[in-house]
């Protein structure tokens, strides 16, 4: 018959072995993901941020990129005379907060913008 000390010892050994197996599998997964990123040229933070909101056309207006709301989506700039918006302003191009302000614009105008609308 096993006493409580032996049962506790066996349980501790099983838990420790389980932890090592879990850690090793997690390490292998991380290593294979890192290898995949190296082979495909992806970085950890390689997220594609489109220049314009979804379904907007990118138009070159004398060297300045402008987004045209062709389908009159959302609440902002939906009349025929004012259906373009430029995100060339420093507010939107700021490395630290630019995408945040694009997200705010997207939310306020009720306009979908892939990979941007989830940042705020």
Protein backbone atom coordinates (compact mmCIF):
# COMPACT_ATOMS: atom_id res chain seq x y z
CA UNK A 1 0.00 0.00 0.00
CA UNK A 2 1.26 3.49 -0.90
CA UNK A 3 1.25 6.15 1.74
CA UNK A 4 0.46 9.81 1.13
CA UNK A 5 4.13 10.82 0.82
CA UNK A 6 4.65 8.42 -2.09
CA UNK A 7 1.48 9.63 -3.85
CA UNK A 8 2.55 13.26 -3.45
CA UNK A 9 6.03 12.47 -4.77
CA UNK A 10 4.66 10.67 -7.82
CA UNK A 11 2.25 13.53 -8.55
CA UNK A 12 5.04 16.12 -8.28
CA UNK A 13 7.25 14.13 -10.65
CA UNK A 14 4.39 13.77 -13.18
CA UNK A 15 3.61 17.50 -13.00
CA UNK A 16 7.28 18.43 -13.48
CA UNK A 17 7.65 16.08 -16.46
CA UNK A 18 4.41 17.48 -17.95
CA UNK A 19 5.69 21.03 -17.53
CA UNK A 20 8.96 20.18 -19.31
CA UNK A 21 7.11 18.50 -22.17
CA UNK A 22 4.77 21.51 -22.50
CA UNK A 23 7.72 23.93 -22.46
CA UNK A 24 9.61 21.92 -25.06
CA UNK A 25 6.61 21.76 -27.40
CA UNK A 26 6.08 25.50 -27.03
CA UNK A 27 9.76 26.08 -27.81
CA UNK A 28 9.53 23.92 -30.96
CA UNK A 29 6.43 25.83 -32.10
CA UNK A 30 8.14 29.18 -31.58
CA UNK A 31 11.25 27.96 -33.37
CA UNK A 32 9.27 26.71 -36.39
CA UNK A 33 7.31 29.99 -36.55
CA UNK A 34 10.57 31.96 -36.45
CA UNK A 35 12.00 29.78 -39.19
CA UNK A 36 8.84 30.27 -41.28
CA UNK A 37 9.10 34.05 -40.92
CA UNK A 38 12.74 34.02 -41.97
CA UNK A 39 12.01 31.89 -45.04
CA UNK A 40 9.05 34.03 -46.14
CA UNK A 41 10.64 37.38 -45.30
CA UNK A 42 7.97 38.27 -42.74
CA UNK A 43 8.76 40.08 -39.55
CA UNK A 44 6.91 39.79 -36.26
CA UNK A 45 5.07 43.08 -36.78
CA UNK A 46 4.64 42.88 -40.56
CA UNK A 47 1.06 44.07 -40.90
CA UNK A 48 -0.18 45.55 -44.13
CA UNK A 49 -1.82 48.94 -43.60
CA UNK A 50 -3.65 50.10 -46.74
CA UNK A 51 -3.25 53.72 -47.84
CA UNK A 52 -6.98 54.33 -48.03
CA UNK A 53 -10.11 52.95 -46.37
CA UNK A 54 -11.76 49.89 -47.89
CA UNK A 55 -13.48 50.46 -51.25
CA UNK A 56 -11.89 53.92 -51.66
CA UNK A 57 -9.83 54.59 -54.78
CA UNK A 58 -6.25 55.83 -54.50
CA UNK A 59 -5.82 58.82 -56.81
CA UNK A 60 -2.59 60.69 -57.54
CA UNK A 61 -3.44 64.38 -57.42
CA UNK A 62 -0.28 66.21 -58.61
CA UNK A 63 2.02 63.97 -56.58
CA UNK A 64 -0.28 63.93 -53.56
CA UNK A 65 -2.17 60.72 -52.83
CA UNK A 66 -5.88 61.24 -52.29
CA UNK A 67 -8.54 58.70 -51.35
CA UNK A 68 -11.75 58.98 -53.35
CA UNK A 69 -15.02 57.77 -51.83
CA UNK A 70 -16.45 56.44 -55.09
CA UNK A 71 -19.26 54.45 -53.49
CA UNK A 72 -20.25 57.16 -50.98
CA UNK A 73 -19.56 54.97 -47.95
CA UNK A 74 -19.92 56.18 -44.37
CA UNK A 75 -20.94 59.55 -43.03
CA UNK A 76 -18.01 61.71 -44.16
CA UNK A 77 -17.51 63.28 -47.59
CA UNK A 78 -20.42 61.69 -49.41
CA UNK A 79 -21.56 64.51 -51.70
CA UNK A 80 -20.27 64.78 -55.27
CA UNK A 81 -18.24 67.95 -54.66
CA UNK A 82 -16.38 66.66 -51.59
CA UNK A 83 -15.80 62.94 -52.05
CA UNK A 84 -12.03 62.85 -51.50
CA UNK A 85 -9.86 62.87 -48.41
CA UNK A 86 -6.09 63.08 -48.03
CA UNK A 87 -4.18 61.29 -45.29
CA UNK A 88 -0.90 63.07 -46.12
CA UNK A 89 -1.25 65.32 -43.06
CA UNK A 90 1.35 64.95 -40.29
CA UNK A 91 -1.42 63.83 -37.92
CA UNK A 92 -2.00 60.67 -39.99
CA UNK A 93 1.64 60.05 -40.96
CA UNK A 94 3.08 60.28 -37.45
CA UNK A 95 4.93 57.01 -36.78
CA UNK A 96 3.78 56.83 -33.18
CA UNK A 97 0.08 57.77 -33.46
CA UNK A 98 -0.73 58.07 -37.18
CA UNK A 99 -2.57 54.79 -37.51
CA UNK A 100 -4.48 55.53 -34.30
CA UNK A 101 -5.82 58.76 -35.80
CA UNK A 102 -6.70 56.94 -39.02
CA UNK A 103 -8.63 54.49 -36.86
CA UNK A 104 -10.44 57.34 -35.12
CA UNK A 105 -11.33 58.85 -38.50
CA UNK A 106 -12.60 55.47 -39.69
CA UNK A 107 -14.80 55.05 -36.59
CA UNK A 108 -16.16 58.62 -36.68
CA UNK A 109 -16.99 58.38 -40.37
CA UNK A 110 -18.36 54.85 -40.03
CA UNK A 111 -16.05 53.70 -42.83
CA UNK A 112 -14.38 50.25 -42.85
CA UNK A 113 -10.58 50.18 -43.05
CA UNK A 114 -8.80 46.82 -42.96
CA UNK A 115 -6.16 46.45 -40.20
CA UNK A 116 -6.70 50.06 -39.13
CA UNK A 117 -10.19 50.01 -37.60
CA UNK A 118 -9.10 47.66 -34.80
CA UNK A 119 -6.33 49.95 -33.49
CA UNK A 120 -8.52 52.23 -31.37
